[in-house]
C-alpha atoms as a PDB file:
ATOM      1  CA  UNK A   1     -60.627 -10.433 -36.079  1.00  0.00           C
ATOM      2  CA  UNK A   2     -58.121 -11.201 -38.703  1.00  0.00           C
ATOM      3  CA  UNK A   3     -54.444 -10.737 -37.999  1.00  0.00           C
ATOM      4  CA  UNK A   4     -51.727 -10.213 -40.525  1.00  0.00           C
ATOM      5  CA  UNK A   5     -49.080 -12.872 -40.658  1.00  0.00           C
ATOM      6  CA  UNK A   6     -45.897 -11.949 -38.835  1.00  0.00           C
ATOM      7  CA  UNK A   7     -42.511 -12.468 -40.371  1.00  0.00           C
ATOM      8  CA  UNK A   8     -39.418 -12.757 -38.197  1.00  0.00           C
ATOM      9  CA  UNK A   9     -36.012 -12.088 -39.630  1.00  0.00           C
ATOM     10  CA  UNK A  10     -33.477 -14.728 -38.682  1.00  0.00           C
ATOM     11  CA  UNK A  11     -31.241 -13.659 -35.810  1.00  0.00           C
ATOM     12  CA  UNK A  12     -27.823 -12.591 -36.911  1.00  0.00           C
ATOM     13  CA  UNK A  13     -25.019 -14.774 -35.760  1.00  0.00           C
ATOM     14  CA  UNK A  14     -22.484 -12.722 -33.841  1.00  0.00           C
ATOM     15  CA  UNK A  15     -19.122 -14.400 -33.963  1.00  0.00           C
ATOM     16  CA  UNK A  16     -16.508 -13.049 -31.585  1.00  0.00           C
ATOM     17  CA  UNK A  17     -12.815 -13.712 -31.780  1.00  0.00           C
ATOM     18  CA  UNK A  18     -10.167 -12.896 -29.221  1.00  0.00           C
ATOM     19  CA  UNK A  19      -7.460 -10.581 -30.491  1.00  0.00           C
ATOM     20  CA  UNK A  20      -3.921 -11.861 -30.651  1.00  0.00           C
ATOM     21  CA  UNK A  21      -2.560  -9.647 -27.887  1.00  0.00           C
ATOM     22  CA  UNK A  22       1.008 -10.812 -28.406  1.00  0.00           C
ATOM     23  CA  UNK A  23       0.829  -9.694 -32.046  1.00  0.00           C
ATOM     24  CA  UNK A  24      -0.758  -6.384 -31.039  1.00  0.00           C
ATOM     25  CA  UNK A  25       2.002  -5.708 -28.526  1.00  0.00           C
ATOM     26  CA  UNK A  26       4.665  -6.658 -31.052  1.00  0.00           C
ATOM     27  CA  UNK A  27       3.270  -4.108 -33.516  1.00  0.00           C
ATOM     28  CA  UNK A  28       3.053  -1.471 -30.792  1.00  0.00           C
ATOM     29  CA  UNK A  29       6.633  -2.144 -29.727  1.00  0.00           C
ATOM     30  CA  UNK A  30       7.800  -1.750 -33.318  1.00  0.00           C
ATOM     31  CA  UNK A  31       5.823   1.460 -33.797  1.00  0.00           C
ATOM     32  CA  UNK A  32       7.155   3.083 -30.619  1.00  0.00           C
ATOM     33  CA  UNK A  33      10.678   2.174 -31.676  1.00  0.00           C
ATOM     34  CA  UNK A  34      10.440   3.822 -35.111  1.00  0.00           C
ATOM     35  CA  UNK A  35      10.564   7.469 -34.042  1.00  0.00           C
ATOM     36  CA  UNK A  36      12.557   9.408 -31.496  1.00  0.00           C
ATOM     37  CA  UNK A  37       9.638   9.860 -29.117  1.00  0.00           C
ATOM     38  CA  UNK A  38      12.051  10.797 -26.337  1.00  0.00           C
ATOM     39  CA  UNK A  39      12.302  14.227 -27.979  1.00  0.00           C
ATOM     40  CA  UNK A  40       8.589  14.722 -27.343  1.00  0.00           C
ATOM     41  CA  UNK A  41       9.066  13.534 -23.784  1.00  0.00           C
ATOM     42  CA  UNK A  42      11.576  16.281 -23.059  1.00  0.00           C
ATOM     43  CA  UNK A  43       8.810  18.858 -23.592  1.00  0.00           C
ATOM     44  CA  UNK A  44       6.701  17.380 -20.765  1.00  0.00           C
ATOM     45  CA  UNK A  45       8.899  17.306 -17.631  1.00  0.00           C
ATOM     46  CA  UNK A  46       6.562  19.608 -15.719  1.00  0.00           C
ATOM     47  CA  UNK A  47       3.881  16.901 -15.778  1.00  0.00           C
ATOM     48  CA  UNK A  48       6.191  14.354 -14.157  1.00  0.00           C
ATOM     49  CA  UNK A  49       7.489  16.881 -11.640  1.00  0.00           C
ATOM     50  CA  UNK A  50       3.927  17.838 -10.681  1.00  0.00           C
ATOM     51  CA  UNK A  51       2.990  14.175 -10.280  1.00  0.00           C
ATOM     52  CA  UNK A  52       5.920  13.471  -7.943  1.00  0.00           C
ATOM     53  CA  UNK A  53       5.126  16.633  -6.004  1.00  0.00           C
ATOM     54  CA  UNK A  54       1.479  15.605  -5.597  1.00  0.00           C
ATOM     55  CA  UNK A  55       2.521  12.085  -4.511  1.00  0.00           C
ATOM     56  CA  UNK A  56       5.013  13.584  -2.032  1.00  0.00           C
ATOM     57  CA  UNK A  57       7.858  11.433  -3.361  1.00  0.00           C
ATOM     58  CA  UNK A  58      10.943  11.824  -1.166  1.00  0.00           C
ATOM     59  CA  UNK A  59      14.317  10.383  -0.241  1.00  0.00           C
ATOM     60  CA  UNK A  60      14.243   6.634   0.334  1.00  0.00           C
ATOM     61  CA  UNK A  61      10.817   6.091  -1.256  1.00  0.00           C
ATOM     62  CA  UNK A  62      10.643   3.157  -3.660  1.00  0.00           C
ATOM     63  CA  UNK A  63       9.065   4.138  -6.974  1.00  0.00           C
ATOM     64  CA  UNK A  64       8.055   1.807  -9.808  1.00  0.00           C
ATOM     65  CA  UNK A  65       7.364   3.738 -13.029  1.00  0.00           C
ATOM     66  CA  UNK A  66       5.374   1.426 -15.312  1.00  0.00           C
ATOM     67  CA  UNK A  67       5.396   2.317 -19.029  1.00  0.00           C
ATOM     68  CA  UNK A  68       8.246   4.677 -18.229  1.00  0.00           C
ATOM     69  CA  UNK A  69       9.058   5.383 -21.893  1.00  0.00           C
ATOM     70  CA  UNK A  70      12.159   7.584 -21.901  1.00  0.00           C
ATOM     71  CA  UNK A  71      11.883   8.066 -18.149  1.00  0.00           C
ATOM     72  CA  UNK A  72      10.139  11.377 -17.458  1.00  0.00           C
ATOM     73  CA  UNK A  73       8.523  10.299 -14.192  1.00  0.00           C
ATOM     74  CA  UNK A  74      11.428   8.053 -13.218  1.00  0.00           C
ATOM     75  CA  UNK A  75      13.815  10.978 -13.595  1.00  0.00           C
ATOM     76  CA  UNK A  76      11.575  13.286 -11.570  1.00  0.00           C
ATOM     77  CA  UNK A  77      11.414  10.733  -8.737  1.00  0.00           C
ATOM     78  CA  UNK A  78      15.172  10.117  -8.833  1.00  0.00           C
ATOM     79  CA  UNK A  79      15.806  13.862  -8.515  1.00  0.00           C
ATOM     80  CA  UNK A  80      14.030  13.580  -5.168  1.00  0.00           C
ATOM     81  CA  UNK A  81      16.459  10.805  -4.133  1.00  0.00           C
ATOM     82  CA  UNK A  82      13.877   8.030  -4.445  1.00  0.00           C
ATOM     83  CA  UNK A  83      14.887   4.463  -5.288  1.00  0.00           C
ATOM     84  CA  UNK A  84      13.489   4.166  -8.811  1.00  0.00           C
ATOM     85  CA  UNK A  85      12.783   1.328 -11.226  1.00  0.00           C
ATOM     86  CA  UNK A  86      11.423   2.161 -14.682  1.00  0.00           C
ATOM     87  CA  UNK A  87       9.755  -0.563 -16.786  1.00  0.00           C
ATOM     88  CA  UNK A  88       8.813  -0.390 -20.460  1.00  0.00           C
ATOM     89  CA  UNK A  89       8.621  -2.865 -23.344  1.00  0.00           C
ATOM     90  CA  UNK A  90      10.303  -0.614 -25.920  1.00  0.00           C
ATOM     91  CA  UNK A  91      14.101  -1.041 -25.775  1.00  0.00           C
ATOM     92  CA  UNK A  92      14.777   2.140 -27.775  1.00  0.00           C
ATOM     93  CA  UNK A  93      12.886   4.279 -25.267  1.00  0.00           C
ATOM     94  CA  UNK A  94      14.636   2.623 -22.333  1.00  0.00           C
ATOM     95  CA  UNK A  95      17.999   3.395 -23.914  1.00  0.00           C
ATOM     96  CA  UNK A  96      17.050   7.079 -24.184  1.00  0.00           C
ATOM     97  CA  UNK A  97      16.014   6.970 -20.531  1.00  0.00           C
ATOM     98  CA  UNK A  98      19.405   5.554 -19.536  1.00  0.00           C
ATOM     99  CA  UNK A  99      21.132   8.308 -21.492  1.00  0.00           C
ATOM    100  CA  UNK A 100      19.077  10.994 -19.772  1.00  0.00           C
ATOM    101  CA  UNK A 101      19.737   9.503 -16.330  1.00  0.00           C
ATOM    102  CA  UNK A 102      23.475   9.295 -17.042  1.00  0.00           C
ATOM    103  CA  UNK A 103      23.522  12.937 -18.148  1.00  0.00           C
ATOM    104  CA  UNK A 104      22.094  13.966 -14.767  1.00  0.00           C
ATOM    105  CA  UNK A 105      24.122  11.363 -12.849  1.00  0.00           C
ATOM    106  CA  UNK A 106      20.952   9.800 -11.487  1.00  0.00           C
ATOM    107  CA  UNK A 107      20.701   6.131 -10.566  1.00  0.00           C
ATOM    108  CA  UNK A 108      17.636   4.481 -12.126  1.00  0.00           C
ATOM    109  CA  UNK A 109      17.121   0.793 -12.800  1.00  0.00           C
ATOM    110  CA  UNK A 110      15.571   0.694 -16.287  1.00  0.00           C
ATOM    111  CA  UNK A 111      14.186  -2.755 -17.170  1.00  0.00           C
ATOM    112  CA  UNK A 112      12.513  -4.137 -20.266  1.00  0.00           C
ATOM    113  CA  UNK A 113       9.177  -5.675 -19.371  1.00  0.00           C
ATOM    114  CA  UNK A 114       5.424  -5.833 -19.877  1.00  0.00           C
ATOM    115  CA  UNK A 115       3.029  -4.078 -17.504  1.00  0.00           C
ATOM    116  CA  UNK A 116       0.996  -7.325 -17.398  1.00  0.00           C
ATOM    117  CA  UNK A 117       4.031  -9.340 -16.296  1.00  0.00           C
ATOM    118  CA  UNK A 118       6.250  -6.951 -14.401  1.00  0.00           C
ATOM    119  CA  UNK A 119       9.912  -8.031 -14.021  1.00  0.00           C
ATOM    120  CA  UNK A 120       9.983  -7.120 -10.331  1.00  0.00           C
ATOM    121  CA  UNK A 121       9.199  -9.283  -7.301  1.00  0.00           C
ATOM    122  CA  UNK A 122       5.911  -8.724  -5.491  1.00  0.00           C
ATOM    123  CA  UNK A 123       6.818  -6.888  -2.265  1.00  0.00           C
ATOM    124  CA  UNK A 124       9.909  -9.077  -1.710  1.00  0.00           C
ATOM    125  CA  UNK A 125      12.191  -6.080  -1.279  1.00  0.00           C
ATOM    126  CA  UNK A 126       9.958  -4.427   1.305  1.00  0.00           C
ATOM    127  CA  UNK A 127       9.546  -7.748   3.125  1.00  0.00           C
ATOM    128  CA  UNK A 128      13.334  -8.144   3.329  1.00  0.00           C
ATOM    129  CA  UNK A 129      13.757  -4.591   4.593  1.00  0.00           C
ATOM    130  CA  UNK A 130      11.216  -5.244   7.349  1.00  0.00           C
ATOM    131  CA  UNK A 131      12.885  -8.572   8.210  1.00  0.00           C
ATOM    132  CA  UNK A 132      16.365  -7.116   8.675  1.00  0.00           C
ATOM    133  CA  UNK A 133      15.108  -4.053  10.515  1.00  0.00           C
ATOM    134  CA  UNK A 134      12.524  -5.580  12.847  1.00  0.00           C
ATOM    135  CA  UNK A 135      13.438  -9.264  13.154  1.00  0.00           C
ATOM    136  CA  UNK A 136      17.234  -9.094  13.049  1.00  0.00           C
ATOM    137  CA  UNK A 137      17.429  -5.699  14.730  1.00  0.00           C
ATOM    138  CA  UNK A 138      19.448  -3.721  12.189  1.00  0.00           C
ATOM    139  CA  UNK A 139      19.179   0.053  11.886  1.00  0.00           C
ATOM    140  CA  UNK A 140      18.152   1.245   8.430  1.00  0.00           C
ATOM    141  CA  UNK A 141      20.150   4.291   7.397  1.00  0.00           C
ATOM    142  CA  UNK A 142      19.438   6.877   4.680  1.00  0.00           C
ATOM    143  CA  UNK A 143      21.552   6.643   1.551  1.00  0.00           C
ATOM    144  CA  UNK A 144      21.728   8.051  -1.943  1.00  0.00           C
ATOM    145  CA  UNK A 145      22.899   4.872  -3.651  1.00  0.00           C
ATOM    146  CA  UNK A 146      19.439   3.756  -4.651  1.00  0.00           C
ATOM    147  CA  UNK A 147      19.073   0.703  -2.428  1.00  0.00           C
ATOM    148  CA  UNK A 148      18.592  -0.138   1.272  1.00  0.00           C
ATOM    149  CA  UNK A 149      21.505   0.042   3.678  1.00  0.00           C
ATOM    150  CA  UNK A 150      21.511  -1.183   7.265  1.00  0.00           C
ATOM    151  CA  UNK A 151      23.919  -0.591  10.140  1.00  0.00           C
ATOM    152  CA  UNK A 152      24.595  -3.491  12.446  1.00  0.00           C
ATOM    153  CA  UNK A 153      26.406  -3.292  15.777  1.00  0.00           C
ATOM    154  CA  UNK A 154      29.271  -0.828  15.943  1.00  0.00           C
ATOM    155  CA  UNK A 155      29.131   0.235  12.326  1.00  0.00           C
ATOM    156  CA  UNK A 156      29.198  -2.747   9.969  1.00  0.00           C
ATOM    157  CA  UNK A 157      26.980  -2.087   6.952  1.00  0.00           C
ATOM    158  CA  UNK A 158      24.754  -4.495   5.061  1.00  0.00           C
ATOM    159  CA  UNK A 159      23.507  -3.473   1.599  1.00  0.00           C
ATOM    160  CA  UNK A 160      20.239  -4.973   0.396  1.00  0.00           C
ATOM    161  CA  UNK A 161      19.892  -5.142  -3.398  1.00  0.00           C
ATOM    162  CA  UNK A 162      16.972  -5.788  -5.733  1.00  0.00           C
ATOM    163  CA  UNK A 163      17.064  -9.138  -7.492  1.00  0.00           C
ATOM    164  CA  UNK A 164      16.478 -12.821  -6.999  1.00  0.00           C
ATOM    165  CA  UNK A 165      17.524 -14.415  -3.735  1.00  0.00           C
ATOM    166  CA  UNK A 166      19.841 -17.370  -3.395  1.00  0.00           C
ATOM    167  CA  UNK A 167      17.623 -20.201  -2.115  1.00  0.00           C
ATOM    168  CA  UNK A 168      20.125 -22.944  -3.018  1.00  0.00           C
ATOM    169  CA  UNK A 169      23.293 -21.201  -1.893  1.00  0.00           C
ATOM    170  CA  UNK A 170      25.123 -21.904   1.368  1.00  0.00           C
ATOM    171  CA  UNK A 171      27.046 -18.648   1.109  1.00  0.00           C
ATOM    172  CA  UNK A 172      25.620 -16.540   3.907  1.00  0.00           C
ATOM    173  CA  UNK A 173      25.774 -13.579   6.250  1.00  0.00           C
ATOM    174  CA  UNK A 174      26.908 -14.410   9.811  1.00  0.00           C
ATOM    175  CA  UNK A 175      25.666 -12.121  12.578  1.00  0.00           C
ATOM    176  CA  UNK A 176      26.367 -12.032  16.298  1.00  0.00           C
ATOM    177  CA  UNK A 177      23.237 -10.912  18.165  1.00  0.00           C
ATOM    178  CA  UNK A 178      22.807  -9.743  21.759  1.00  0.00           C
ATOM    179  CA  UNK A 179      19.711 -11.835  22.534  1.00  0.00           C
ATOM    180  CA  UNK A 180      19.662 -14.964  20.406  1.00  0.00           C
ATOM    181  CA  UNK A 181      16.379 -16.379  21.755  1.00  0.00           C
ATOM    182  CA  UNK A 182      14.494 -13.114  21.201  1.00  0.00           C
ATOM    183  CA  UNK A 183      15.919 -12.760  17.679  1.00  0.00           C
ATOM    184  CA  UNK A 184      14.846 -16.304  16.787  1.00  0.00           C
ATOM    185  CA  UNK A 185      11.340 -15.588  18.096  1.00  0.00           C
ATOM    186  CA  UNK A 186      11.087 -12.442  15.962  1.00  0.00           C
ATOM    187  CA  UNK A 187      12.181 -14.416  12.893  1.00  0.00           C
ATOM    188  CA  UNK A 188       9.384 -16.913  13.525  1.00  0.00           C
ATOM    189  CA  UNK A 189       6.897 -14.055  13.839  1.00  0.00           C
ATOM    190  CA  UNK A 190       7.964 -12.977  10.336  1.00  0.00           C
ATOM    191  CA  UNK A 191       7.235 -16.494   9.067  1.00  0.00           C
ATOM    192  CA  UNK A 192      10.924 -17.392   8.693  1.00  0.00           C
ATOM    193  CA  UNK A 193      11.643 -20.578  10.648  1.00  0.00           C
ATOM    194  CA  UNK A 194      15.216 -20.835  12.039  1.00  0.00           C
ATOM    195  CA  UNK A 195      17.034 -24.166  11.945  1.00  0.00           C
ATOM    196  CA  UNK A 196      19.625 -25.094  14.552  1.00  0.00           C
ATOM    197  CA  UNK A 197      23.059 -26.024  13.200  1.00  0.00           C
ATOM    198  CA  UNK A 198      25.972 -27.935  14.675  1.00  0.00           C
ATOM    199  CA  UNK A 199      27.561 -26.055  17.540  1.00  0.00           C
ATOM    200  CA  UNK A 200      30.911 -24.351  17.207  1.00  0.00           C
ATOM    201  CA  UNK A 201      33.024 -23.551  20.303  1.00  0.00           C
ATOM    202  CA  UNK A 202      30.250 -25.252  22.273  1.00  0.00           C
ATOM    203  CA  UNK A 203      27.727 -22.521  21.553  1.00  0.00           C
ATOM    204  CA  UNK A 204      24.456 -22.415  19.644  1.00  0.00           C
ATOM    205  CA  UNK A 205      24.178 -21.171  16.102  1.00  0.00           C
ATOM    206  CA  UNK A 206      21.101 -21.035  13.896  1.00  0.00           C
ATOM    207  CA  UNK A 207      20.372 -20.509  10.210  1.00  0.00           C
ATOM    208  CA  UNK A 208      17.361 -18.675   8.807  1.00  0.00           C
ATOM    209  CA  UNK A 209      16.320 -17.591   5.305  1.00  0.00           C
ATOM    210  CA  UNK A 210      15.238 -14.026   4.700  1.00  0.00           C
ATOM    211  CA  UNK A 211      12.029 -13.441   2.661  1.00  0.00           C
ATOM    212  CA  UNK A 212      14.058 -13.501  -0.581  1.00  0.00           C
ATOM    213  CA  UNK A 213      15.730 -16.829   0.271  1.00  0.00           C
ATOM    214  CA  UNK A 214      19.151 -15.543   1.341  1.00  0.00           C
ATOM    215  CA  UNK A 215      20.799 -17.459   4.195  1.00  0.00           C
ATOM    216  CA  UNK A 216      21.624 -15.763   7.508  1.00  0.00           C
ATOM    217  CA  UNK A 217      23.561 -17.339  10.390  1.00  0.00           C
ATOM    218  CA  UNK A 218      22.764 -16.138  13.900  1.00  0.00           C
ATOM    219  CA  UNK A 219      24.900 -16.739  16.988  1.00  0.00           C
ATOM    220  CA  UNK A 220      25.291 -15.177  20.421  1.00  0.00           C
ATOM    221  CA  UNK A 221      29.025 -15.222  21.105  1.00  0.00           C
ATOM    222  CA  UNK A 222      31.962 -14.130  18.963  1.00  0.00           C
ATOM    223  CA  UNK A 223      34.517 -16.677  17.727  1.00  0.00           C
ATOM    224  CA  UNK A 224      37.651 -17.037  19.858  1.00  0.00           C
ATOM    225  CA  UNK A 225      40.641 -14.872  19.123  1.00  0.00           C
ATOM    226  CA  UNK A 226      43.118 -16.546  16.746  1.00  0.00           C
ATOM    227  CA  UNK A 227      46.297 -17.842  18.393  1.00  0.00           C
ATOM    228  CA  UNK A 228      49.124 -15.320  18.617  1.00  0.00           C
END
């Protein structure tokens, strides 16, 4: 049996190149800044309101709106008294969002940033809230100011803000606690190791860092009354 010769075409060489994502994003940022896209956004508030309704967003919830644009979803969440941060990489859209929030007297933290490198700490805020509430023993109280407030003792308030901690600072919060040993144990359970400091008035005092790096002094007895 005779067979016909077979001819094989040479395999095509498939060259692949990775796109320059930085250049792509730069072009996108420029394009989104050319027109007043916030005008289009004002025709779509029902979508953002429906989303917040479906997610059951309420007072005190912490909402991060990524690719917020001119803030439709951020505004809807803030109207429900949530603590809202809106992130986008187009400055012009963020500025429109700030204008819209100001018009409604809503507090929203609009930040310029990339969704692939968000300018917010990973769970640091929630970790600090849990530390002050459960380790230190503060009472978290509702507020409309957009950040966490705590009541300590007979009414002193501590306000916890978003942002970097102060790991190299010796400026600190000094707190008198009812049960020093139990408070120190709870701090250790949160992974924050207290360090004993030099005694004052013959009594113990300890320093501990919160999850964001801020320094807290703990002691069991109040300082003596100043001389008359």
